[in-house]
Amino acid sequence: STGFIVLPGGFGTLDELFEALTLVQT
């Protein structure tokens, strides 16, 4: 995928969100 769209969710959603943020930040 070339981007994420993240709607309200729980731990699994947060896991994917912060995984992507970490990959972009680094």
PDB file of all heavy atoms in Angstrom:
ATOM      1  N   SER A   1       0.848  -1.186   0.000  1.00  0.00           N
ATOM      2  CA  SER A   1       0.000   0.000   0.000  1.00  0.00           C
ATOM      3  C   SER A   1       0.883   1.235   0.000  1.00  0.00           C
ATOM      4  O   SER A   1       2.047   1.177   0.383  1.00  0.00           O
ATOM      5  CB  SER A   1      -0.936   0.012   1.215  1.00  0.00           C
ATOM      6  OG  SER A   1      -0.208   0.132   2.415  1.00  0.00           O
ATOM      7  N   THR A   2       0.306   2.328  -0.433  1.00  0.00           N
ATOM      8  CA  THR A   2       1.059   3.587  -0.507  1.00  0.00           C
ATOM      9  C   THR A   2       0.561   4.595   0.520  1.00  0.00           C
ATOM     10  O   THR A   2       0.878   5.773   0.427  1.00  0.00           O
ATOM     11  CB  THR A   2       0.963   4.186  -1.924  1.00  0.00           C
ATOM     12  OG1 THR A   2      -0.420   4.358  -2.275  1.00  0.00           O
ATOM     13  CG2 THR A   2       1.618   3.275  -2.942  1.00  0.00           C
ATOM     14  N   GLY A   3      -0.205   4.135   1.484  1.00  0.00           N
ATOM     15  CA  GLY A   3      -0.684   4.998   2.543  1.00  0.00           C
ATOM     16  C   GLY A   3      -1.687   4.267   3.414  1.00  0.00           C
ATOM     17  O   GLY A   3      -2.179   3.191   3.049  1.00  0.00           O
ATOM     18  N   PHE A   4      -1.965   4.844   4.587  1.00  0.00           N
ATOM     19  CA  PHE A   4      -2.920   4.278   5.535  1.00  0.00           C
ATOM     20  C   PHE A   4      -4.043   5.274   5.800  1.00  0.00           C
ATOM     21  O   PHE A   4      -3.802   6.472   5.936  1.00  0.00           O
ATOM     22  CB  PHE A   4      -2.247   3.981   6.885  1.00  0.00           C
ATOM     23  CG  PHE A   4      -1.394   2.740   6.918  1.00  0.00           C
ATOM     24  CD1 PHE A   4      -1.229   1.927   5.813  1.00  0.00           C
ATOM     25  CD2 PHE A   4      -0.744   2.394   8.092  1.00  0.00           C
ATOM     26  CE1 PHE A   4      -0.434   0.792   5.870  1.00  0.00           C
ATOM     27  CE2 PHE A   4       0.051   1.270   8.169  1.00  0.00           C
ATOM     28  CZ  PHE A   4       0.208   0.455   7.055  1.00  0.00           C
ATOM     29  N   ILE A   5      -5.261   4.748   5.877  1.00  0.00           N
ATOM     30  CA  ILE A   5      -6.390   5.499   6.412  1.00  0.00           C
ATOM     31  C   ILE A   5      -6.851   4.758   7.654  1.00  0.00           C
ATOM     32  O   ILE A   5      -7.198   3.574   7.588  1.00  0.00           O
ATOM     33  CB  ILE A   5      -7.530   5.634   5.388  1.00  0.00           C
ATOM     34  CG1 ILE A   5      -7.073   6.515   4.209  1.00  0.00           C
ATOM     35  CG2 ILE A   5      -8.777   6.226   6.035  1.00  0.00           C
ATOM     36  CD1 ILE A   5      -8.112   6.669   3.112  1.00  0.00           C
ATOM     37  N   VAL A   6      -6.839   5.449   8.796  1.00  0.00           N
ATOM     38  CA  VAL A   6      -7.051   4.796  10.084  1.00  0.00           C
ATOM     39  C   VAL A   6      -8.305   5.354  10.747  1.00  0.00           C
ATOM     40  O   VAL A   6      -8.364   6.547  11.080  1.00  0.00           O
ATOM     41  CB  VAL A   6      -5.832   4.992  11.010  1.00  0.00           C
ATOM     42  CG1 VAL A   6      -5.985   4.149  12.267  1.00  0.00           C
ATOM     43  CG2 VAL A   6      -4.530   4.641  10.279  1.00  0.00           C
ATOM     44  N   LEU A   7      -9.286   4.500  10.928  1.00  0.00           N
ATOM     45  CA  LEU A   7     -10.519   4.867  11.609  1.00  0.00           C
ATOM     46  C   LEU A   7     -10.447   4.423  13.064  1.00  0.00           C
ATOM     47  O   LEU A   7      -9.517   3.716  13.448  1.00  0.00           O
ATOM     48  CB  LEU A   7     -11.720   4.253  10.893  1.00  0.00           C
ATOM     49  CG  LEU A   7     -12.041   4.895   9.539  1.00  0.00           C
ATOM     50  CD1 LEU A   7     -11.461   4.076   8.393  1.00  0.00           C
ATOM     51  CD2 LEU A   7     -13.542   5.061   9.357  1.00  0.00           C
ATOM     52  N   PRO A   8     -11.413   4.834  13.898  1.00  0.00           N
ATOM     53  CA  PRO A   8     -11.376   4.443  15.305  1.00  0.00           C
ATOM     54  C   PRO A   8     -11.241   2.930  15.476  1.00  0.00           C
ATOM     55  O   PRO A   8     -11.911   2.148  14.804  1.00  0.00           O
ATOM     56  CB  PRO A   8     -12.721   4.951  15.840  1.00  0.00           C
ATOM     57  CG  PRO A   8     -13.003   6.153  15.002  1.00  0.00           C
ATOM     58  CD  PRO A   8     -12.518   5.795  13.631  1.00  0.00           C
ATOM     59  N   GLY A   9     -10.347   2.542  16.372  1.00  0.00           N
ATOM     60  CA  GLY A   9     -10.100   1.130  16.616  1.00  0.00           C
ATOM     61  C   GLY A   9      -9.389   0.910  17.934  1.00  0.00           C
ATOM     62  O   GLY A   9      -9.139   1.862  18.689  1.00  0.00           O
ATOM     63  N   GLY A  10      -9.040  -0.326  18.205  1.00  0.00           N
ATOM     64  CA  GLY A  10      -8.428  -0.696  19.472  1.00  0.00           C
ATOM     65  C   GLY A  10      -6.932  -0.915  19.365  1.00  0.00           C
ATOM     66  O   GLY A  10      -6.233  -0.265  18.582  1.00  0.00           O
ATOM     67  N   PHE A  11      -6.418  -1.864  20.147  1.00  0.00           N
ATOM     68  CA  PHE A  11      -4.985  -2.103  20.210  1.00  0.00           C
ATOM     69  C   PHE A  11      -4.398  -2.491  18.854  1.00  0.00           C
ATOM     70  O   PHE A  11      -3.301  -2.061  18.494  1.00  0.00           O
ATOM     71  CB  PHE A  11      -4.679  -3.205  21.229  1.00  0.00           C
ATOM     72  CG  PHE A  11      -4.880  -2.787  22.664  1.00  0.00           C
ATOM     73  CD1 PHE A  11      -5.130  -3.736  23.640  1.00  0.00           C
ATOM     74  CD2 PHE A  11      -4.829  -1.455  23.038  1.00  0.00           C
ATOM     75  CE1 PHE A  11      -5.309  -3.366  24.974  1.00  0.00           C
ATOM     76  CE2 PHE A  11      -5.009  -1.075  24.358  1.00  0.00           C
ATOM     77  CZ  PHE A  11      -5.257  -2.032  25.327  1.00  0.00           C
ATOM     78  N   GLY A  12      -5.119  -3.328  18.096  1.00  0.00           N
ATOM     79  CA  GLY A  12      -4.608  -3.744  16.794  1.00  0.00           C
ATOM     80  C   GLY A  12      -4.467  -2.571  15.843  1.00  0.00           C
ATOM     81  O   GLY A  12      -3.485  -2.478  15.097  1.00  0.00           O
ATOM     82  N   THR A  13      -5.441  -1.673  15.880  1.00  0.00           N
ATOM     83  CA  THR A  13      -5.388  -0.475  15.038  1.00  0.00           C
ATOM     84  C   THR A  13      -4.217   0.411  15.440  1.00  0.00           C
ATOM     85  O   THR A  13      -3.483   0.928  14.587  1.00  0.00           O
ATOM     86  CB  THR A  13      -6.714   0.301  15.147  1.00  0.00           C
ATOM     87  OG1 THR A  13      -7.790  -0.554  14.740  1.00  0.00           O
ATOM     88  CG2 THR A  13      -6.701   1.539  14.260  1.00  0.00           C
ATOM     89  N   LEU A  14      -4.030   0.600  16.751  1.00  0.00           N
ATOM     90  CA  LEU A  14      -2.904   1.399  17.236  1.00  0.00           C
ATOM     91  C   LEU A  14      -1.574   0.758  16.868  1.00  0.00           C
ATOM     92  O   LEU A  14      -0.596   1.454  16.553  1.00  0.00           O
ATOM     93  CB  LEU A  14      -2.997   1.571  18.752  1.00  0.00           C
ATOM     94  CG  LEU A  14      -4.129   2.460  19.267  1.00  0.00           C
ATOM     95  CD1 LEU A  14      -4.145   2.447  20.789  1.00  0.00           C
ATOM     96  CD2 LEU A  14      -3.977   3.882  18.759  1.00  0.00           C
ATOM     97  N   ASP A  15      -1.525  -0.558  16.911  1.00  0.00           N
ATOM     98  CA  ASP A  15      -0.303  -1.276  16.545  1.00  0.00           C
ATOM     99  C   ASP A  15       0.095  -0.964  15.108  1.00  0.00           C
ATOM    100  O   ASP A  15       1.255  -0.635  14.822  1.00  0.00           O
ATOM    101  CB  ASP A  15      -0.527  -2.776  16.728  1.00  0.00           C
ATOM    102  CG  ASP A  15       0.692  -3.600  16.384  1.00  0.00           C
ATOM    103  OD1 ASP A  15       1.817  -3.196  16.752  1.00  0.00           O
ATOM    104  OD2 ASP A  15       0.536  -4.651  15.743  1.00  0.00           O
ATOM    105  N   GLU A  16      -0.861  -1.047  14.192  1.00  0.00           N
ATOM    106  CA  GLU A  16      -0.571  -0.752  12.792  1.00  0.00           C
ATOM    107  C   GLU A  16      -0.202   0.717  12.598  1.00  0.00           C
ATOM    108  O   GLU A  16       0.702   1.054  11.826  1.00  0.00           O
ATOM    109  CB  GLU A  16      -1.781  -1.107  11.923  1.00  0.00           C
ATOM    110  CG  GLU A  16      -2.179  -2.575  11.935  1.00  0.00           C
ATOM    111  CD  GLU A  16      -1.157  -3.478  11.274  1.00  0.00           C
ATOM    112  OE1 GLU A  16      -0.197  -2.970  10.661  1.00  0.00           O
ATOM    113  OE2 GLU A  16      -1.317  -4.709  11.369  1.00  0.00           O
ATOM    114  N   LEU A  17      -0.900   1.600  13.296  1.00  0.00           N
ATOM    115  CA  LEU A  17      -0.629   3.029  13.186  1.00  0.00           C
ATOM    116  C   LEU A  17       0.797   3.356  13.617  1.00  0.00           C
ATOM    117  O   LEU A  17       1.540   4.030  12.889  1.00  0.00           O
ATOM    118  CB  LEU A  17      -1.634   3.813  14.043  1.00  0.00           C
ATOM    119  CG  LEU A  17      -1.337   5.297  14.260  1.00  0.00           C
ATOM    120  CD1 LEU A  17      -1.329   6.057  12.945  1.00  0.00           C
ATOM    121  CD2 LEU A  17      -2.359   5.901  15.236  1.00  0.00           C
ATOM    122  N   PHE A  18       1.199   2.907  14.792  1.00  0.00           N
ATOM    123  CA  PHE A  18       2.519   3.262  15.296  1.00  0.00           C
ATOM    124  C   PHE A  18       3.639   2.493  14.588  1.00  0.00           C
ATOM    125  O   PHE A  18       4.766   2.976  14.518  1.00  0.00           O
ATOM    126  CB  PHE A  18       2.577   3.059  16.805  1.00  0.00           C
ATOM    127  CG  PHE A  18       1.918   4.177  17.566  1.00  0.00           C
ATOM    128  CD1 PHE A  18       0.648   4.034  18.081  1.00  0.00           C
ATOM    129  CD2 PHE A  18       2.574   5.386  17.739  1.00  0.00           C
ATOM    130  CE1 PHE A  18       0.032   5.074  18.761  1.00  0.00           C
ATOM    131  CE2 PHE A  18       1.973   6.434  18.415  1.00  0.00           C
ATOM    132  CZ  PHE A  18       0.696   6.276  18.930  1.00  0.00           C
ATOM    133  N   GLU A  19       3.324   1.333  14.043  1.00  0.00           N
ATOM    134  CA  GLU A  19       4.298   0.638  13.195  1.00  0.00           C
ATOM    135  C   GLU A  19       4.631   1.504  11.984  1.00  0.00           C
ATOM    136  O   GLU A  19       5.808   1.704  11.639  1.00  0.00           O
ATOM    137  CB  GLU A  19       3.718  -0.699  12.732  1.00  0.00           C
ATOM    138  CG  GLU A  19       4.521  -1.416  11.660  1.00  0.00           C
ATOM    139  CD  GLU A  19       5.567  -2.353  12.214  1.00  0.00           C
ATOM    140  OE1 GLU A  19       5.648  -2.475  13.439  1.00  0.00           O
ATOM    141  OE2 GLU A  19       6.299  -2.952  11.411  1.00  0.00           O
ATOM    142  N   ALA A  20       3.601   2.033  11.330  1.00  0.00           N
ATOM    143  CA  ALA A  20       3.819   2.872  10.153  1.00  0.00           C
ATOM    144  C   ALA A  20       4.551   4.157  10.523  1.00  0.00           C
ATOM    145  O   ALA A  20       5.472   4.586   9.820  1.00  0.00           O
ATOM    146  CB  ALA A  20       2.478   3.201   9.483  1.00  0.00           C
ATOM    147  N   LEU A  21       4.153   4.783  11.635  1.00  0.00           N
ATOM    148  CA  LEU A  21       4.817   6.013  12.063  1.00  0.00           C
ATOM    149  C   LEU A  21       6.301   5.776  12.340  1.00  0.00           C
ATOM    150  O   LEU A  21       7.150   6.600  12.001  1.00  0.00           O
ATOM    151  CB  LEU A  21       4.134   6.562  13.317  1.00  0.00           C
ATOM    152  CG  LEU A  21       2.803   7.279  13.106  1.00  0.00           C
ATOM    153  CD1 LEU A  21       2.159   7.602  14.446  1.00  0.00           C
ATOM    154  CD2 LEU A  21       2.997   8.545  12.286  1.00  0.00           C
ATOM    155  N   THR A  22       6.615   4.645  12.960  1.00  0.00           N
ATOM    156  CA  THR A  22       8.017   4.323  13.253  1.00  0.00           C
ATOM    157  C   THR A  22       8.810   4.137  11.969  1.00  0.00           C
ATOM    158  O   THR A  22       9.948   4.613  11.846  1.00  0.00           O
ATOM    159  CB  THR A  22       8.098   3.050  14.110  1.00  0.00           C
ATOM    160  OG1 THR A  22       7.377   3.255  15.326  1.00  0.00           O
ATOM    161  CG2 THR A  22       9.543   2.702  14.441  1.00  0.00           C
ATOM    162  N   LEU A  23       8.227   3.464  10.992  1.00  0.00           N
ATOM    163  CA  LEU A  23       8.916   3.230   9.724  1.00  0.00           C
ATOM    164  C   LEU A  23       9.159   4.538   8.974  1.00  0.00           C
ATOM    165  O   LEU A  23      10.208   4.731   8.361  1.00  0.00           O
ATOM    166  CB  LEU A  23       8.106   2.263   8.858  1.00  0.00           C
ATOM    167  CG  LEU A  23       8.019   0.820   9.366  1.00  0.00           C
ATOM    168  CD1 LEU A  23       7.045   0.015   8.519  1.00  0.00           C
ATOM    169  CD2 LEU A  23       9.387   0.157   9.363  1.00  0.00           C
ATOM    170  N   VAL A  24       8.175   5.450   9.030  1.00  0.00           N
ATOM    171  CA  VAL A  24       8.354   6.744   8.371  1.00  0.00           C
ATOM    172  C   VAL A  24       9.387   7.582   9.120  1.00  0.00           C
ATOM    173  O   VAL A  24      10.281   8.192   8.513  1.00  0.00           O
ATOM    174  CB  VAL A  24       7.012   7.500   8.286  1.00  0.00           C
ATOM    175  CG1 VAL A  24       7.227   8.897   7.730  1.00  0.00           C
ATOM    176  CG2 VAL A  24       6.014   6.740   7.417  1.00  0.00           C
ATOM    177  N   GLN A  25       9.278   7.622  10.446  1.00  0.00           N
ATOM    178  CA  GLN A  25      10.195   8.432  11.254  1.00  0.00           C
ATOM    179  C   GLN A  25      11.643   7.989  11.065  1.00  0.00           C
ATOM    180  O   GLN A  25      12.558   8.817  11.014  1.00  0.00           O
ATOM    181  CB  GLN A  25       9.808   8.330  12.729  1.00  0.00           C
ATOM    182  CG  GLN A  25      10.675   9.176  13.666  1.00  0.00           C
ATOM    183  CD  GLN A  25      10.490   8.778  15.109  1.00  0.00           C
ATOM    184  OE1 GLN A  25      10.581   7.606  15.450  1.00  0.00           O
ATOM    185  NE2 GLN A  25      10.220   9.759  15.960  1.00  0.00           N
ATOM    186  N   THR A  26      11.870   6.685  10.953  1.00  0.00           N
ATOM    187  CA  THR A  26      13.228   6.155  10.821  1.00  0.00           C
ATOM    188  C   THR A  26      13.668   6.026   9.365  1.00  0.00           C
ATOM    189  O   THR A  26      14.715   5.453   9.086  1.00  0.00           O
ATOM    190  CB  THR A  26      13.328   4.779  11.501  1.00  0.00           C
ATOM    191  OG1 THR A  26      12.348   3.891  10.941  1.00  0.00           O
ATOM    192  CG2 THR A  26      13.091   4.894  13.005  1.00  0.00           C
TER     193      THR A  26
END
